[in-house]
Each structure stands twice: as structure tokens, then as C-alpha cells.
C-alpha atoms as a PDB file:
ATOM      1  CA  MET A   1      47.371 -60.722-130.248  1.00  0.00           C
ATOM      2  CA  ARG A   2      48.601 -57.524-128.620  1.00  0.00           C
ATOM      3  CA  LEU A   3      47.187 -55.487-131.490  1.00  0.00           C
ATOM      4  CA  LYS A   4      43.838 -57.241-131.097  1.00  0.00           C
ATOM      5  CA  LEU A   5      43.863 -56.521-127.384  1.00  0.00           C
ATOM      6  CA  PHE A   6      44.681 -52.824-127.637  1.00  0.00           C
ATOM      7  CA  LEU A   7      42.819 -51.961-130.839  1.00  0.00           C
ATOM      8  CA  THR A   8      39.498 -53.691-130.066  1.00  0.00           C
ATOM      9  CA  PRO A   9      38.270 -50.807-127.816  1.00  0.00           C
ATOM     10  CA  HIS A  10      39.207 -48.310-130.544  1.00  0.00           C
ATOM     11  CA  MET A  11      37.317 -50.363-133.099  1.00  0.00           C
ATOM     12  CA  CYS A  12      34.227 -50.417-130.841  1.00  0.00           C
ATOM     13  CA  VAL A  13      34.341 -46.645-130.372  1.00  0.00           C
ATOM     14  CA  ILE A  14      34.698 -46.057-134.109  1.00  0.00           C
ATOM     15  CA  ALA A  15      31.919 -48.554-134.884  1.00  0.00           C
ATOM     16  CA  SER A  16      29.591 -46.713-132.515  1.00  0.00           C
ATOM     17  CA  LEU A  17      29.895 -43.607-134.710  1.00  0.00           C
ATOM     18  CA  ILE A  18      27.562 -45.273-137.199  1.00  0.00           C
ATOM     19  CA  CYS A  19      24.736 -44.096-134.901  1.00  0.00           C
ATOM     20  CA  SER A  20      25.873 -40.468-135.142  1.00  0.00           C
ATOM     21  CA  ARG A  21      23.381 -38.192-136.867  1.00  0.00           C
ATOM     22  CA  GLN A  22      26.186 -35.666-137.211  1.00  0.00           C
ATOM     23  CA  LEU A  23      28.168 -37.975-139.474  1.00  0.00           C
ATOM     24  CA  PHE A  24      25.271 -39.722-141.188  1.00  0.00           C
ATOM     25  CA  GLY A  25      22.787 -36.868-141.435  1.00  0.00           C
ATOM     26  CA  TRP A  26      22.514 -37.515-145.172  1.00  0.00           C
ATOM     27  CA  ILE A  27      20.499 -40.663-144.369  1.00  0.00           C
ATOM     28  CA  VAL A  28      16.816 -39.918-143.961  1.00  0.00           C
ATOM     29  CA  LYS A  29      16.198 -39.806-140.198  1.00  0.00           C
ATOM     30  CA  ARG A  30      13.449 -42.410-140.122  1.00  0.00           C
ATOM     31  CA  PHE A  31      15.662 -44.884-142.003  1.00  0.00           C
ATOM     32  CA  HIS A  32      18.878 -44.230-140.071  1.00  0.00           C
ATOM     33  CA  TYR A  33      18.299 -46.458-137.040  1.00  0.00           C
ATOM     34  CA  PRO A  34      16.628 -49.276-138.997  1.00  0.00           C
ATOM     35  CA  VAL A  35      19.757 -49.311-141.230  1.00  0.00           C
ATOM     36  CA  VAL A  36      21.975 -49.521-138.114  1.00  0.00           C
ATOM     37  CA  ILE A  37      19.895 -52.395-136.719  1.00  0.00           C
ATOM     38  CA  LEU A  38      20.028 -54.178-140.076  1.00  0.00           C
ATOM     39  CA  LEU A  39      23.833 -53.841-140.210  1.00  0.00           C
ATOM     40  CA  LEU A  40      24.173 -55.189-136.662  1.00  0.00           C
ATOM     41  CA  ALA A  41      21.920 -58.122-137.520  1.00  0.00           C
ATOM     42  CA  LEU A  42      23.963 -58.966-140.622  1.00  0.00           C
ATOM     43  CA  MET A  43      27.240 -58.738-138.687  1.00  0.00           C
ATOM     44  CA  SER A  44      25.870 -60.915-135.881  1.00  0.00           C
ATOM     45  CA  ILE A  45      25.362 -63.784-138.336  1.00  0.00           C
ATOM     46  CA  GLN A  46      29.110 -64.098-138.887  1.00  0.00           C
ATOM     47  CA  GLY A  47      29.804 -63.272-135.244  1.00  0.00           C
ATOM     48  CA  ILE A  48      27.602 -66.067-133.930  1.00  0.00           C
ATOM     49  CA  SER A  49      29.192 -68.449-136.444  1.00  0.00           C
ATOM     50  CA  ASN A  50      32.685 -67.499-135.180  1.00  0.00           C
ATOM     51  CA  ILE A  51      31.671 -68.010-131.542  1.00  0.00           C
ATOM     52  CA  GLN A  52      30.146 -71.416-132.296  1.00  0.00           C
ATOM     53  CA  SER A  53      33.235 -72.571-134.167  1.00  0.00           C
ATOM     54  CA  GLN A  54      35.412 -71.615-131.193  1.00  0.00           C
ATOM     55  CA  LEU A  55      33.107 -73.357-128.713  1.00  0.00           C
ATOM     56  CA  ASN A  56      33.167 -76.511-130.840  1.00  0.00           C
ATOM     57  CA  ILE A  57      36.942 -76.854-130.564  1.00  0.00           C
ATOM     58  CA  LYS A  58      37.650 -79.866-128.383  1.00  0.00           C
ATOM     59  CA  GLY A  59      41.106 -80.869-127.300  1.00  0.00           C
ATOM     60  CA  GLU A  60      43.581 -81.253-124.515  1.00  0.00           C
ATOM     61  CA  PHE A  61      46.951 -79.590-124.186  1.00  0.00           C
ATOM     62  CA  SER A  62      49.730 -81.942-123.198  1.00  0.00           C
ATOM     63  CA  ASN A  63      53.393 -81.178-122.612  1.00  0.00           C
ATOM     64  CA  ILE A  64      54.791 -84.098-120.629  1.00  0.00           C
ATOM     65  CA  ALA A  65      58.349 -82.731-120.485  1.00  0.00           C
ATOM     66  CA  GLN A  66      57.187 -79.424-119.050  1.00  0.00           C
ATOM     67  CA  GLU A  67      54.827 -81.160-116.608  1.00  0.00           C
ATOM     68  CA  GLU A  68      57.775 -83.201-115.305  1.00  0.00           C
ATOM     69  CA  LEU A  69      59.786 -79.991-114.933  1.00  0.00           C
ATOM     70  CA  LEU A  70      57.039 -78.187-113.019  1.00  0.00           C
ATOM     71  CA  GLU A  71      56.416 -81.166-110.732  1.00  0.00           C
ATOM     72  CA  TRP A  72      60.119 -81.338-109.952  1.00  0.00           C
ATOM     73  CA  ILE A  73      60.223 -77.616-109.145  1.00  0.00           C
ATOM     74  CA  ASN A  74      57.241 -77.941-106.802  1.00  0.00           C
ATOM     75  CA  SER A  75      58.657 -80.952-104.990  1.00  0.00           C
ATOM     76  CA  SER A  76      62.396 -80.262-104.975  1.00  0.00           C
ATOM     77  CA  THR A  77      62.958 -76.501-104.638  1.00  0.00           C
ATOM     78  CA  LYS A  78      62.209 -73.953-101.940  1.00  0.00           C
ATOM     79  CA  PRO A  79      59.251 -71.580-102.461  1.00  0.00           C
ATOM     80  CA  ASN A  80      61.641 -68.607-102.643  1.00  0.00           C
ATOM     81  CA  ALA A  81      64.025 -70.209-105.184  1.00  0.00           C
ATOM     82  CA  VAL A  82      64.584 -67.800-108.093  1.00  0.00           C
ATOM     83  CA  PHE A  83      64.425 -69.108-111.671  1.00  0.00           C
ATOM     84  CA  ALA A  84      65.676 -67.810-115.014  1.00  0.00           C
ATOM     85  CA  GLY A  85      65.322 -69.122-118.549  1.00  0.00           C
ATOM     86  CA  ALA A  86      63.416 -68.647-121.785  1.00  0.00           C
ATOM     87  CA  MET A  87      60.490 -66.284-121.296  1.00  0.00           C
ATOM     88  CA  PRO A  88      57.692 -68.647-122.436  1.00  0.00           C
ATOM     89  CA  THR A  89      58.885 -71.241-119.926  1.00  0.00           C
ATOM     90  CA  MET A  90      59.164 -68.631-117.195  1.00  0.00           C
ATOM     91  CA  ALA A  91      55.471 -67.816-117.606  1.00  0.00           C
ATOM     92  CA  SER A  92      54.611 -71.484-116.940  1.00  0.00           C
ATOM     93  CA  VAL A  93      56.963 -71.632-113.958  1.00  0.00           C
ATOM     94  CA  LYS A  94      55.418 -68.539-112.395  1.00  0.00           C
ATOM     95  CA  LEU A  95      51.848 -69.671-113.050  1.00  0.00           C
ATOM     96  CA  SER A  96      52.196 -73.296-111.979  1.00  0.00           C
ATOM     97  CA  THR A  97      54.740 -73.136-109.164  1.00  0.00           C
ATOM     98  CA  GLY A  98      54.604 -69.569-107.859  1.00  0.00           C
ATOM     99  CA  ARG A  99      58.408 -69.414-107.794  1.00  0.00           C
ATOM    100  CA  PRO A 100      60.031 -65.984-108.344  1.00  0.00           C
ATOM    101  CA  ILE A 101      61.348 -65.410-111.872  1.00  0.00           C
ATOM    102  CA  VAL A 102      63.651 -62.724-113.223  1.00  0.00           C
ATOM    103  CA  ASN A 103      62.146 -62.278-116.709  1.00  0.00           C
ATOM    104  CA  HIS A 104      58.453 -62.375-117.593  1.00  0.00           C
ATOM    105  CA  PRO A 105      56.914 -62.346-121.104  1.00  0.00           C
ATOM    106  CA  HIS A 106      53.715 -60.541-120.109  1.00  0.00           C
ATOM    107  CA  TYR A 107      55.364 -57.361-118.863  1.00  0.00           C
ATOM    108  CA  GLU A 108      57.674 -55.188-120.875  1.00  0.00           C
ATOM    109  CA  ASP A 109      59.877 -52.182-120.228  1.00  0.00           C
ATOM    110  CA  ALA A 110      63.474 -51.173-120.919  1.00  0.00           C
ATOM    111  CA  GLY A 111      64.725 -52.635-117.637  1.00  0.00           C
ATOM    112  CA  LEU A 112      63.121 -56.012-118.274  1.00  0.00           C
ATOM    113  CA  ARG A 113      64.504 -56.145-121.818  1.00  0.00           C
ATOM    114  CA  GLU A 114      67.993 -55.543-120.453  1.00  0.00           C
ATOM    115  CA  ARG A 115      67.471 -58.188-117.754  1.00  0.00           C
ATOM    116  CA  THR A 116      66.265 -60.714-120.347  1.00  0.00           C
ATOM    117  CA  LYS A 117      69.317 -59.965-122.472  1.00  0.00           C
ATOM    118  CA  ARG A 118      71.533 -60.820-119.493  1.00  0.00           C
ATOM    119  CA  VAL A 119      69.588 -64.043-118.895  1.00  0.00           C
ATOM    120  CA  TYR A 120      69.947 -65.024-122.558  1.00  0.00           C
ATOM    121  CA  SER A 121      73.723 -64.718-122.280  1.00  0.00           C
ATOM    122  CA  MET A 122      73.443 -68.429-121.442  1.00  0.00           C
ATOM    123  CA  TYR A 123      72.873 -68.928-125.191  1.00  0.00           C
ATOM    124  CA  SER A 124      75.913 -66.848-126.140  1.00  0.00           C
ATOM    125  CA  ARG A 125      79.529 -67.969-126.508  1.00  0.00           C
ATOM    126  CA  LYS A 126      80.673 -66.272-123.304  1.00  0.00           C
ATOM    127  CA  PRO A 127      82.735 -68.279-120.768  1.00  0.00           C
ATOM    128  CA  ALA A 128      80.667 -70.177-118.189  1.00  0.00           C
ATOM    129  CA  LYS A 129      82.372 -68.315-115.361  1.00  0.00           C
ATOM    130  CA  GLU A 130      81.246 -64.949-116.753  1.00  0.00           C
ATOM    131  CA  VAL A 131      77.635 -66.066-117.279  1.00  0.00           C
ATOM    132  CA  LYS A 132      77.523 -67.572-113.796  1.00  0.00           C
ATOM    133  CA  LYS A 133      78.646 -64.235-112.375  1.00  0.00           C
ATOM    134  CA  ILE A 134      75.876 -62.429-114.332  1.00  0.00           C
ATOM    135  CA  LEU A 135      73.199 -64.812-113.052  1.00  0.00           C
ATOM    136  CA  MET A 136      74.422 -64.694-109.456  1.00  0.00           C
ATOM    137  CA  LYS A 137      74.377 -60.900-109.552  1.00  0.00           C
ATOM    138  CA  MET A 138      70.705 -61.129-110.560  1.00  0.00           C
ATOM    139  CA  GLY A 139      69.971 -63.450-107.628  1.00  0.00           C
ATOM    140  CA  VAL A 140      69.217 -66.500-109.789  1.00  0.00           C
ATOM    141  CA  HIS A 141      69.296 -69.901-108.053  1.00  0.00           C
ATOM    142  CA  TYR A 142      68.303 -72.102-111.007  1.00  0.00           C
ATOM    143  CA  PHE A 143      68.554 -71.744-114.773  1.00  0.00           C
ATOM    144  CA  ILE A 144      66.247 -73.778-117.024  1.00  0.00           C
ATOM    145  CA  LEU A 145      68.239 -74.694-120.117  1.00  0.00           C
ATOM    146  CA  GLU A 146      66.346 -75.754-123.248  1.00  0.00           C
ATOM    147  CA  ASP A 147      68.121 -77.518-126.099  1.00  0.00           C
ATOM    148  CA  GLY A 148      65.659 -76.076-128.613  1.00  0.00           C
ATOM    149  CA  TRP A 149      66.738 -72.537-127.802  1.00  0.00           C
ATOM    150  CA  CYS A 150      70.353 -73.559-128.143  1.00  0.00           C
ATOM    151  CA  THR A 151      70.163 -75.476-131.410  1.00  0.00           C
ATOM    152  CA  ARG A 152      67.137 -73.969-133.187  1.00  0.00           C
ATOM    153  CA  ARG A 153      68.030 -72.124-136.384  1.00  0.00           C
ATOM    154  CA  THR A 154      65.272 -70.976-138.755  1.00  0.00           C
ATOM    155  CA  ARG A 155      67.811 -69.666-141.249  1.00  0.00           C
ATOM    156  CA  THR A 156      71.462 -68.619-141.430  1.00  0.00           C
ATOM    157  CA  GLY A 157      72.311 -65.950-138.886  1.00  0.00           C
ATOM    158  CA  CYS A 158      69.171 -66.454-136.782  1.00  0.00           C
ATOM    159  CA  SER A 159      70.313 -68.887-134.082  1.00  0.00           C
ATOM    160  CA  MET A 160      70.763 -67.433-130.594  1.00  0.00           C
ATOM    161  CA  SER A 161      74.536 -67.889-130.708  1.00  0.00           C
ATOM    162  CA  GLU A 162      74.778 -66.166-134.113  1.00  0.00           C
ATOM    163  CA  ILE A 163      72.726 -63.246-132.843  1.00  0.00           C
ATOM    164  CA  TRP A 164      75.080 -62.994-129.878  1.00  0.00           C
ATOM    165  CA  ASP A 165      78.059 -62.909-132.289  1.00  0.00           C
ATOM    166  CA  ILE A 166      76.840 -59.466-133.380  1.00  0.00           C
ATOM    167  CA  GLU A 167      76.407 -58.303-129.791  1.00  0.00           C
ATOM    168  CA  ASP A 168      79.565 -59.942-128.446  1.00  0.00           C
ATOM    169  CA  PRO A 169      82.113 -60.233-131.301  1.00  0.00           C
ATOM    170  CA  SER A 170      84.995 -60.872-128.913  1.00  0.00           C
ATOM    171  CA  ASN A 171      83.706 -64.409-128.307  1.00  0.00           C
ATOM    172  CA  ALA A 172      82.587 -65.174-131.878  1.00  0.00           C
ATOM    173  CA  GLY A 173      83.787 -68.503-133.194  1.00  0.00           C
ATOM    174  CA  LYS A 174      83.730 -70.276-129.830  1.00  0.00           C
ATOM    175  CA  ALA A 175      81.314 -73.089-129.043  1.00  0.00           C
ATOM    176  CA  PRO A 176      77.939 -71.908-127.681  1.00  0.00           C
ATOM    177  CA  LEU A 177      77.901 -72.102-123.889  1.00  0.00           C
ATOM    178  CA  CYS A 178      74.501 -73.822-123.837  1.00  0.00           C
ATOM    179  CA  SER A 179      75.781 -76.738-125.953  1.00  0.00           C
ATOM    180  CA  ILE A 180      78.780 -77.138-123.624  1.00  0.00           C
ATOM    181  CA  LEU A 181      76.611 -77.112-120.491  1.00  0.00           C
ATOM    182  CA  SER A 182      74.084 -79.522-121.964  1.00  0.00           C
ATOM    183  CA  LYS A 183      76.885 -82.118-122.052  1.00  0.00           C
ATOM    184  CA  GLU A 184      78.741 -81.189-118.864  1.00  0.00           C
ATOM    185  CA  SER A 185      77.685 -78.413-116.488  1.00  0.00           C
ATOM    186  CA  LEU A 186      80.525 -78.671-113.965  1.00  0.00           C
ATOM    187  CA  PRO A 187      82.465 -76.907-112.503  1.00  0.00           C
ATOM    188  CA  HIS A 188      80.441 -73.683-112.650  1.00  0.00           C
ATOM    189  CA  PHE A 189      76.921 -75.157-112.610  1.00  0.00           C
ATOM    190  CA  ALA A 190      75.358 -78.358-111.320  1.00  0.00           C
ATOM    191  CA  THR A 191      72.705 -80.289-113.238  1.00  0.00           C
ATOM    192  CA  VAL A 192      69.898 -81.076-110.775  1.00  0.00           C
ATOM    193  CA  PHE A 193      67.132 -82.128-113.186  1.00  0.00           C
ATOM    194  CA  GLY A 194      66.897 -83.208-116.788  1.00  0.00           C
ATOM    195  CA  ASN A 195      64.604 -84.781-119.350  1.00  0.00           C
ATOM    196  CA  ASN A 196      64.507 -84.829-123.149  1.00  0.00           C
ATOM    197  CA  VAL A 197      63.683 -81.092-123.365  1.00  0.00           C
ATOM    198  CA  TYR A 198      64.743 -79.305-120.185  1.00  0.00           C
ATOM    199  CA  LYS A 199      67.816 -79.280-118.010  1.00  0.00           C
ATOM    200  CA  VAL A 200      67.855 -77.391-114.710  1.00  0.00           C
ATOM    201  CA  LEU A 201      71.235 -75.969-113.706  1.00  0.00           C
ATOM    202  CA  ARG A 202      71.836 -74.870-110.141  1.00  0.00           C
ATOM    203  CA  VAL A 203      73.768 -71.617-110.007  1.00  0.00           C
ATOM    204  CA  GLY A 204      76.412 -71.100-107.377  1.00  0.00           C
ATOM    205  CA  ILE A 205      77.307 -74.679-106.465  1.00  0.00           C
END
């Protein structure tokens, strides 16, 4: 999607060169523009078909677990409460609740990548005390823990904890922190909300 976004203007500029007499001087002048119009007409057939197929898509997005989470955030946390968690979820939190977040998927630079790496230490095998200290240093009040991010494994070596084993070999072999906290968050965190997908941990109890 990013490539589509950034390359579409380039494609339009390049496509406009078809009208250039400098490049297409070998076409007889009186036929040049009729050929361009004919090409545009032929392309518009498929274009109109694509637009109609998109407009005909009917449906409704539903994510009950996330809706429960967002409603809880709106009703049970202060407007200046700072959240951290998986980037896709953070986008929803920012959009639907207006709460400050520490990592955002729609903005990218070296500093944000480093910040996200620190946030994702929750899915490493580091001690809870160390991760709590990292989050508190970032000013995080709540961490949204997702079981899917903790347990998901597309293939060997690709789970979050296995990736962290490469980055943090000193803790390799220990149980993933997220799986420990999903069962019992005390004494370093407090579970303040939970459903079948999300668990909200308060930092600095």
C-alpha cells in the first residue's frame, strides 16, 4: 500500500508523457492526439469496472473485543493516560479514544523504531521488573497485552519471543514474559481490564 501511495504520482507523470510530441514525433501529428484519446478511452473501460466493483462491496467491520477495549479506555481512564502496545492496536486507540500513545504505525523514523523495540520488550523473556522500568521511563501508564502477539508463530523462529532470543541471548530459554503476565500480572503490573483478546496492565502500581 505504501508503494501504491508513493508511486502513483510518478506513474501519472510518466503516463502524461504519451502526449509528448518530442517522444512520439514518429506518429503522424494528426493521428497523435486521437491515438491518445483512444488509449484513454480503452483504459477507462477497465477503470470504471474497477471503481464499480469497489462501490458494490457491502459489509460491516466488527471487532467486539476491540470495541469493548476502546469503550473501557474511554470510560475508565484519564484523557492524558499514556498507552503502549502492538502498533495496529495503538492506531485504533489513538483514533477512537484520543489517548496519547508511545508508538504509532503511520509514522516512521529511527527514534520511533527504537521506541517500538522497547515497547515490544513485553514479548521478550526479560524479567518483569526490567520491562516495567523500561515502560515507566517512557511515561507509559497502561500496556495493552494481546495473547495473539505472544503465542502467534507462523513458523519456527518467527515468534516474538524467538526473535528476542537473537536480540537478548542472555534471557534465552526462559518463559516469555507476556505468557507469565497473561496468567498473573502481580507484583509488577496490575490487570485492570481483560477479555478474550486483550488484557490491559497498569504500569507502576
